[in-house]
Amino acid sequence: MFRTKRTGLVRRLWRSRAPVEGDGETDTRTHGPGGCCMGKSTKVAGKNSSGTEAELKALTHSILKKIKEKQLEGLLQAVESKGGARSPCLLLPSKVDSKLGQQSYSLPLLLYKVFRWPDLRHCSELKRLSGCESYGKMNPELVCCNPHHMSRLCELESPPPPYSRYPMDFLKPPDSPDSGPSFTETEGTTYSAPVGLSDTQALQESGDRSHWCVVAYWEEKTRVGRLYSVQEPSLDIFYDLPQGNGFCLGQLSSDNKSPLVQMVRTKIGYGIQLSREHDGVWVYNRSCYPIFIKSATLDNPDSRTLLVHKVFPGFSIKAFDFEKADCLQRPNDHEFTQQPRTGFTVQISFVKGWGQCYTRQFISSCPCWLEVIFNNR
C-alpha cells in the first residue's frame, strides 16, 4: 500500500512517544519517589477519565496529520534525540482543545503529555526554556508545542526532609578563626591550575567582557581545567551532547583514575543548561540522572542551615533568586558570606548527593561537581 512521507513521520513519532507508567517501559529516573521535584508520587489518570490507548493514538494521529511535514521533521528530531539535537519551535494554535475520554486538553498540553510527560496535568507545572520563541510571550495566537523546549518545575518540599539539611557552619567567612582553607569543608582543596592564566587574571579578563558568572568544574577535591567565563544569557554544560555548544567537560584533561569519577563522568551526558533570566538564574537538568544543588537563595533567609536539593531529569529549578540575593546582602551578615572574591556561589553535583543522609558530608567528596561563581558587581 502506498504510504506518504507524512504518514511515515507520524508513525515514527507515535513509536517515539513517552512510555506510560505501568507499561513496563517507564524510565523511573525521570521522576523518582520523592525529592524537591516530586514531593508526592505521580500517577497517570485512569482510563475512564483520560481515554484508552487506542483513543489516544487516534487523536494523536489526527492532530499530527494536520501539521506540515517540515514541522513534523523538527518534532521528530527533538523527540528521537530526547532534546539533545537543536530543534526548531513547533508553532501551533494555542487555543485549540481536544477531547480525550472525559478530559479536555489544549493542543500544547496534549503533545507535552504524549511525547514527554504522561503524568502532566496542567501547563502551570511547566517552565518554558529561555531559548524558545514563545518564551516570555503572554497569550500568543501561536505557541511553541515542542516538548523539549519545556521543562518541569521543581516543587520544593515544605518542610524539607532532615537529610538534606546542610549546616551553614561550613560557610564561615575566610577571616573566621576556625575556618579552613577551603569554602565548603575543613580539609584542604587542590587546585589544578589553568595553564598560563591565574584565577585572578581569569576573573579580571572575564570582567572586561561583562561576564555574569564563571564556572569551575571539580572532581572530588581537585579542580579540572580553567574557569569558564559566561557572557551569553544561557550556557550548556555537558559531557556528551549532539550539536553541543558551551562548556564541554568531556574535552577537559583529567588525571583522576577513580572508577567512581570515571563512571559519573559518563552519566553526565547532556548535562545541564544554566540560564540568566529576569528573575534569577535557572538550572535545567538535561541529563538522565538527578543533580543536586545547594544555594543560599533556595532556603529561608532566617534558617541556620542550607538545603541540598535533588533535581530530577527534565526539571528546572531557580537556583539563584536575584530578589532574595539582595535581601541576603546585609551589612555584617557573615552567615551568607561565601568567598571573598565573589559574593555568592551555587554548587551542583552530578548523580551523587551529599549531606547528612549520604556517606559524603561535603561536596568536595562528590565525584563530579560544579561551582557557579556569580559576578556581584
Protein backbone atom coordinates (compact mmCIF):
# COMPACT_ATOMS: atom_id res chain seq x y z
CA MET A 1 0.00 0.00 0.00
CA PHE A 2 1.32 3.46 -0.91
CA ARG A 3 2.47 5.39 2.16
CA THR A 4 3.11 9.13 2.12
CA LYS A 5 6.09 10.75 3.83
CA ARG A 6 3.72 12.44 6.27
CA THR A 7 2.25 9.07 7.31
CA GLY A 8 5.74 7.68 7.86
CA LEU A 9 6.69 10.64 10.08
CA VAL A 10 3.51 10.30 12.11
CA ARG A 11 4.13 6.59 12.69
CA ARG A 12 7.74 7.23 13.76
CA LEU A 13 6.56 9.91 16.16
CA TRP A 14 3.97 7.62 17.71
CA ARG A 15 6.61 4.90 18.23
CA SER A 16 8.79 7.51 19.97
CA ARG A 17 6.10 8.64 22.40
CA ALA A 18 6.86 8.78 26.12
CA PRO A 19 6.23 5.46 27.93
CA VAL A 20 3.23 5.49 30.24
CA GLU A 21 3.55 4.38 33.85
CA GLY A 22 2.69 0.71 34.15
CA ASP A 23 3.54 -0.29 30.57
CA GLY A 24 6.88 -1.78 31.61
CA GLU A 25 8.94 0.83 29.79
CA THR A 26 8.82 3.79 32.16
CA ASP A 27 12.22 5.28 32.95
CA THR A 28 11.98 5.78 36.70
CA ARG A 29 14.99 8.09 36.62
CA THR A 30 12.79 10.84 35.27
CA HIS A 31 10.63 11.15 38.32
CA GLY A 32 11.63 9.17 41.41
CA PRO A 33 9.62 8.70 44.55
CA GLY A 34 10.39 12.00 46.20
CA GLY A 35 12.80 14.89 46.42
CA CYS A 36 12.33 18.57 45.65
CA CYS A 37 10.96 17.93 42.19
CA MET A 38 8.28 15.46 43.14
CA GLY A 39 7.01 15.82 46.67
CA LYS A 40 4.47 13.11 46.00
CA SER A 41 4.37 10.09 43.73
CA THR A 42 2.95 10.62 40.29
CA LYS A 43 0.11 8.61 38.84
CA VAL A 44 -1.28 8.63 35.38
CA ALA A 45 -5.00 9.25 35.25
CA GLY A 46 -7.06 6.13 34.79
CA LYS A 47 -8.55 5.06 31.50
CA ASN A 48 -12.05 6.13 32.48
CA SER A 49 -11.05 9.80 32.66
CA SER A 50 -8.16 10.01 30.19
CA GLY A 51 -9.28 7.64 27.48
CA THR A 52 -7.83 4.38 26.24
CA GLU A 53 -4.56 3.86 24.40
CA ALA A 54 -6.49 3.39 21.16
CA GLU A 55 -8.32 6.70 21.65
CA LEU A 56 -5.07 8.50 22.42
CA LYS A 57 -3.42 7.02 19.33
CA ALA A 58 -6.31 8.01 17.07
CA LEU A 59 -6.40 11.56 18.47
CA THR A 60 -2.62 12.00 18.22
CA HIS A 61 -2.54 10.71 14.64
CA SER A 62 -5.36 13.04 13.60
CA ILE A 63 -3.54 16.05 15.09
CA LEU A 64 -0.13 15.19 13.66
CA LYS A 65 -1.53 14.64 10.16
CA LYS A 66 -2.66 18.27 10.13
CA ILE A 67 0.86 19.54 10.82
CA LYS A 68 3.22 20.48 7.99
CA GLU A 69 5.86 17.94 7.02
CA LYS A 70 8.73 20.29 7.88
CA GLN A 71 7.26 20.81 11.34
CA LEU A 72 6.84 17.06 11.80
CA GLU A 73 10.50 16.57 10.89
CA GLY A 74 11.55 19.13 13.52
CA LEU A 75 9.35 17.50 16.16
CA LEU A 76 10.72 14.06 15.28
CA GLN A 77 14.27 15.36 15.59
CA ALA A 78 13.52 16.70 19.08
CA VAL A 79 11.73 13.55 20.25
CA GLU A 80 14.18 10.98 18.88
CA SER A 81 17.22 12.85 20.21
CA LYS A 82 15.46 13.41 23.56
CA GLY A 83 16.28 17.10 23.34
CA GLY A 84 19.95 16.56 22.52
CA ALA A 85 19.78 17.96 18.99
CA ARG A 86 18.80 21.55 18.28
CA SER A 87 15.24 21.53 17.05
CA PRO A 88 13.05 24.38 15.81
CA CYS A 89 9.96 25.69 17.56
CA LEU A 90 6.71 23.97 16.67
CA LEU A 91 4.32 26.91 16.43
CA LEU A 92 0.67 25.80 16.57
CA PRO A 93 -2.63 27.42 17.64
CA SER A 94 -2.72 27.75 21.41
CA LYS A 95 -6.50 27.79 21.86
CA VAL A 96 -7.43 24.52 20.17
CA ASP A 97 -8.79 21.94 22.62
CA SER A 98 -9.07 18.19 22.11
CA LYS A 99 -11.32 15.74 23.92
CA LEU A 100 -9.81 12.53 25.27
CA GLY A 101 -12.14 10.40 27.33
CA GLN A 102 -13.79 12.76 29.79
CA GLN A 103 -10.90 15.21 29.76
CA SER A 104 -10.32 18.22 27.53
CA TYR A 105 -6.72 19.16 26.71
CA SER A 106 -5.19 22.13 24.94
CA LEU A 107 -3.08 21.24 21.90
CA PRO A 108 0.25 22.08 23.62
CA LEU A 109 -0.65 20.13 26.76
CA LEU A 110 -1.66 17.06 24.76
CA LEU A 111 1.62 16.99 22.82
CA TYR A 112 3.64 17.51 26.02
CA LYS A 113 1.81 14.54 27.59
CA VAL A 114 2.20 12.26 24.60
CA PHE A 115 5.87 12.91 23.89
CA ARG A 116 7.35 13.71 27.28
CA TRP A 117 5.30 13.62 30.47
CA PRO A 118 2.26 11.27 30.50
CA ASP A 119 1.51 12.29 34.11
CA LEU A 120 1.33 16.02 33.28
CA ARG A 121 -1.94 17.58 34.48
CA HIS A 122 -1.63 21.28 33.67
CA CYS A 123 0.70 23.63 31.83
CA SER A 124 1.27 25.52 35.09
CA GLU A 125 3.56 22.62 36.08
CA LEU A 126 5.91 23.60 33.27
CA LYS A 127 8.54 26.24 32.58
CA ARG A 128 9.42 27.29 29.06
CA LEU A 129 13.14 27.31 28.27
CA SER A 130 14.60 30.74 27.58
CA GLY A 131 15.78 29.85 24.06
CA CYS A 132 12.23 29.15 22.82
CA GLU A 133 10.48 31.67 20.55
CA SER A 134 7.41 31.64 22.82
CA TYR A 135 9.45 32.46 25.94
CA GLY A 136 8.04 35.46 27.78
CA LYS A 137 5.06 35.93 25.45
CA MET A 138 1.66 36.32 27.06
CA ASN A 139 -1.31 34.54 25.40
CA PRO A 140 0.07 34.39 21.83
CA GLU A 141 -2.11 33.13 19.00
CA LEU A 142 0.61 30.63 18.09
CA VAL A 143 2.58 28.88 20.83
CA CYS A 144 5.54 26.53 20.63
CA CYS A 145 4.48 22.93 21.23
CA ASN A 146 7.96 21.40 21.04
CA PRO A 147 8.05 19.28 24.24
CA HIS A 148 11.82 19.66 24.52
CA HIS A 149 11.52 23.44 24.69
CA MET A 150 9.81 22.93 28.05
CA SER A 151 10.85 21.70 31.49
CA ARG A 152 9.02 20.59 34.62
CA LEU A 153 9.07 22.96 37.57
CA CYS A 154 10.59 21.70 40.79
CA GLU A 155 8.19 21.70 43.72
CA LEU A 156 10.26 22.50 46.78
CA GLU A 157 9.27 20.39 49.73
CA SER A 158 7.88 22.10 52.81
CA PRO A 159 9.16 21.29 55.32
CA PRO A 160 12.29 19.82 53.73
CA PRO A 161 13.45 16.36 54.76
CA PRO A 162 16.04 16.34 57.55
CA TYR A 163 18.62 14.51 55.45
CA SER A 164 19.01 17.41 53.06
CA ARG A 165 19.98 19.90 55.73
CA TYR A 166 23.48 21.27 55.24
CA PRO A 167 24.96 23.14 58.24
CA MET A 168 25.81 26.74 57.49
CA ASP A 169 28.81 26.50 59.81
CA PHE A 170 30.70 25.36 56.73
CA LEU A 171 30.15 28.78 55.16
CA LYS A 172 32.23 30.73 57.67
CA PRO A 173 33.99 33.81 56.24
CA PRO A 174 37.69 33.32 55.44
CA ASP A 175 38.80 35.57 58.31
CA SER A 176 36.98 33.44 60.88
CA PRO A 177 39.46 31.94 63.41
CA ASP A 178 38.22 28.38 62.91
CA SER A 179 37.67 28.50 59.18
CA GLY A 180 39.70 26.19 56.99
CA PRO A 181 41.49 26.90 53.71
CA SER A 182 38.51 25.99 51.52
CA PHE A 183 34.97 27.22 51.11
CA THR A 184 32.90 24.15 51.97
CA GLU A 185 35.00 21.84 54.07
CA THR A 186 37.68 21.87 56.73
CA GLU A 187 40.14 19.86 54.64
CA GLY A 188 42.41 21.45 52.06
CA THR A 189 41.44 21.61 48.41
CA THR A 190 43.79 21.07 45.49
CA TYR A 191 43.56 23.38 42.50
CA SER A 192 44.54 22.16 39.07
CA ALA A 193 45.88 25.49 37.90
CA PRO A 194 44.89 26.77 34.44
CA VAL A 195 47.78 26.84 32.04
CA GLY A 196 49.22 30.33 31.63
CA LEU A 197 46.41 32.12 33.47
CA SER A 198 45.81 32.52 37.18
CA ASP A 199 42.33 32.55 38.72
CA THR A 200 42.62 36.27 39.46
CA GLN A 201 43.69 37.01 35.89
CA ALA A 202 40.83 34.89 34.55
CA LEU A 203 38.28 36.79 36.62
CA GLN A 204 39.74 40.16 35.64
CA GLU A 205 39.84 39.22 31.98
CA SER A 206 36.28 37.94 32.02
CA GLY A 207 35.23 41.07 33.92
CA ASP A 208 36.30 43.16 30.94
CA ARG A 209 33.77 41.28 28.83
CA SER A 210 30.88 41.84 31.27
CA HIS A 211 30.57 38.24 32.41
CA TRP A 212 27.72 37.44 34.78
CA CYS A 213 29.29 34.31 36.23
CA VAL A 214 32.22 31.94 35.95
CA VAL A 215 32.00 28.16 36.25
CA ALA A 216 34.55 25.82 37.80
CA TYR A 217 34.46 22.05 37.29
CA TRP A 218 35.71 19.81 40.09
CA GLU A 219 36.43 16.13 40.51
CA GLU A 220 36.39 15.47 44.23
CA LYS A 221 38.92 17.93 45.74
CA THR A 222 40.67 18.81 42.51
CA ARG A 223 39.54 21.45 40.08
CA VAL A 224 39.90 20.37 36.47
CA GLY A 225 40.59 22.92 33.75
CA ARG A 226 40.36 26.67 33.95
CA LEU A 227 37.48 28.91 34.98
CA TYR A 228 34.84 29.19 32.27
CA SER A 229 33.59 32.75 31.89
CA VAL A 230 29.94 33.19 30.87
CA GLN A 231 28.75 36.23 28.91
CA GLU A 232 25.82 34.75 26.99
CA PRO A 233 22.38 34.56 28.66
CA SER A 234 22.46 30.75 28.72
CA LEU A 235 25.14 28.08 28.81
CA ASP A 236 25.07 24.33 28.18
CA ILE A 237 27.41 22.37 30.45
CA PHE A 238 27.70 18.79 29.24
CA TYR A 239 29.90 15.75 28.75
CA ASP A 240 28.43 14.45 25.52
CA LEU A 241 25.78 16.48 23.67
CA PRO A 242 24.88 16.24 19.96
CA GLN A 243 25.48 19.64 18.38
CA GLY A 244 26.73 20.79 21.77
CA ASN A 245 27.88 24.38 22.12
CA GLY A 246 29.14 25.54 25.50
CA PHE A 247 31.26 24.11 28.31
CA CYS A 248 32.18 20.56 27.28
CA LEU A 249 33.50 18.66 30.29
CA GLY A 250 34.45 15.74 28.09
CA GLN A 251 37.20 17.83 26.47
CA LEU A 252 38.94 18.58 29.77
CA SER A 253 42.08 16.65 30.63
CA SER A 254 41.84 14.91 34.00
CA ASP A 255 44.34 12.71 35.82
CA ASN A 256 41.72 11.27 38.16
CA LYS A 257 41.68 7.48 37.74
CA SER A 258 38.97 6.81 40.32
CA PRO A 259 36.44 4.28 38.89
CA LEU A 260 33.59 6.22 40.53
CA VAL A 261 34.68 9.51 38.96
CA GLN A 262 35.02 7.87 35.56
CA MET A 263 31.58 6.25 35.91
CA VAL A 264 29.88 9.52 36.90
CA ARG A 265 31.58 11.36 34.02
CA THR A 266 29.86 9.07 31.54
CA LYS A 267 26.48 9.69 33.23
CA ILE A 268 26.68 13.48 32.89
CA GLY A 269 25.58 13.10 29.26
CA TYR A 270 23.58 16.14 28.12
CA GLY A 271 24.34 17.79 31.45
CA ILE A 272 22.60 20.99 32.47
CA GLN A 273 21.55 24.31 30.99
CA LEU A 274 22.35 27.39 33.03
CA SER A 275 20.27 30.45 32.07
CA ARG A 276 20.22 34.01 33.38
CA GLU A 277 16.63 35.28 33.26
CA HIS A 278 14.79 38.34 34.57
CA ASP A 279 14.05 36.83 37.99
CA GLY A 280 17.20 34.83 38.59
CA VAL A 281 19.44 32.05 37.37
CA TRP A 282 17.71 28.81 36.41
CA VAL A 283 19.23 25.35 36.13
CA TYR A 284 17.63 22.81 33.80
CA ASN A 285 18.64 19.17 34.19
CA ARG A 286 19.06 17.79 30.65
CA SER A 287 20.74 14.55 31.73
CA CYS A 288 19.21 11.15 32.51
CA TYR A 289 20.21 11.26 36.19
CA PRO A 290 19.47 13.55 39.13
CA ILE A 291 21.60 16.54 40.03
CA PHE A 292 22.00 18.05 43.49
CA ILE A 293 22.05 21.80 44.16
CA LYS A 294 22.90 23.99 47.13
CA SER A 295 22.22 27.72 47.07
CA ALA A 296 21.63 30.34 49.76
CA THR A 297 18.57 31.70 47.95
CA LEU A 298 16.84 28.31 47.88
CA ASP A 299 16.43 28.38 51.63
CA ASN A 300 14.73 30.50 54.28
CA PRO A 301 16.89 33.58 54.97
CA ASP A 302 16.43 33.04 58.71
CA SER A 303 17.50 29.40 58.57
CA ARG A 304 20.77 28.28 60.16
CA THR A 305 21.14 25.56 57.56
CA LEU A 306 21.18 25.28 53.78
CA LEU A 307 19.37 22.60 51.84
CA VAL A 308 20.76 20.28 49.23
CA HIS A 309 18.00 19.96 46.63
CA LYS A 310 17.61 16.94 44.36
CA VAL A 311 16.55 17.85 40.82
CA PHE A 312 15.35 15.04 38.58
CA PRO A 313 15.88 14.80 34.80
CA GLY A 314 13.70 17.16 32.78
CA PHE A 315 13.15 19.52 35.72
CA SER A 316 14.17 23.15 36.25
CA ILE A 317 14.88 25.00 39.46
CA LYS A 318 15.55 28.67 40.17
CA ALA A 319 18.99 28.10 41.65
CA PHE A 320 19.70 31.77 42.33
CA ASP A 321 16.98 34.32 43.04
CA PHE A 322 18.00 37.94 42.42
CA GLU A 323 15.44 39.44 44.79
CA LYS A 324 16.36 37.08 47.63
CA ALA A 325 20.05 37.68 46.97
CA ASP A 326 19.54 41.43 47.52
CA CYS A 327 17.92 40.66 50.88
CA LEU A 328 20.82 38.42 51.87
CA GLN A 329 23.45 41.08 51.17
CA ARG A 330 23.01 42.78 54.51
CA PRO A 331 25.82 44.56 56.40
CA ASN A 332 27.77 42.26 58.74
CA ASP A 333 25.72 39.27 57.58
CA HIS A 334 28.55 36.75 57.81
CA GLU A 335 26.20 33.74 57.69
CA PHE A 336 25.77 34.15 53.93
CA THR A 337 29.28 35.35 53.12
CA GLN A 338 30.96 32.80 50.93
CA GLN A 339 34.17 33.57 49.05
CA PRO A 340 35.84 36.97 49.33
CA ARG A 341 36.33 37.23 45.57
CA THR A 342 32.70 36.58 44.62
CA GLY A 343 29.77 37.04 46.95
CA PHE A 344 27.51 34.13 46.06
CA THR A 345 28.02 30.70 44.58
CA VAL A 346 25.82 27.78 43.62
CA GLN A 347 27.16 24.25 43.91
CA ILE A 348 25.89 21.46 41.67
CA SER A 349 26.81 17.79 41.91
CA PHE A 350 26.12 15.32 39.11
CA VAL A 351 24.47 11.98 40.04
CA LYS A 352 25.75 11.85 43.65
CA GLY A 353 24.36 13.82 46.57
CA TRP A 354 25.99 14.99 49.78
CA GLY A 355 24.89 15.86 53.29
CA GLN A 356 23.69 14.06 56.39
CA CYS A 357 21.81 11.33 54.50
CA TYR A 358 24.82 10.37 52.42
CA THR A 359 28.26 8.97 53.10
CA ARG A 360 29.62 12.16 51.55
CA GLN A 361 29.31 15.01 54.03
CA PHE A 362 30.96 17.62 51.80
CA ILE A 363 30.54 18.39 48.14
CA SER A 364 34.32 18.03 47.73
CA SER A 365 33.77 14.29 48.23
CA CYS A 366 31.40 14.12 45.24
CA PRO A 367 32.91 12.63 42.06
CA CYS A 368 31.93 15.39 39.59
CA TRP A 369 30.57 18.79 40.53
CA LEU A 370 30.34 22.43 39.51
CA GLU A 371 30.82 25.72 41.27
CA VAL A 372 28.95 28.63 39.70
CA ILE A 373 30.52 31.88 40.89
CA PHE A 374 28.38 34.95 40.32
CA ASN A 375 29.70 38.37 39.44
CA ASN A 376 28.14 40.58 42.10
CA ARG A 377 29.37 43.85 40.64
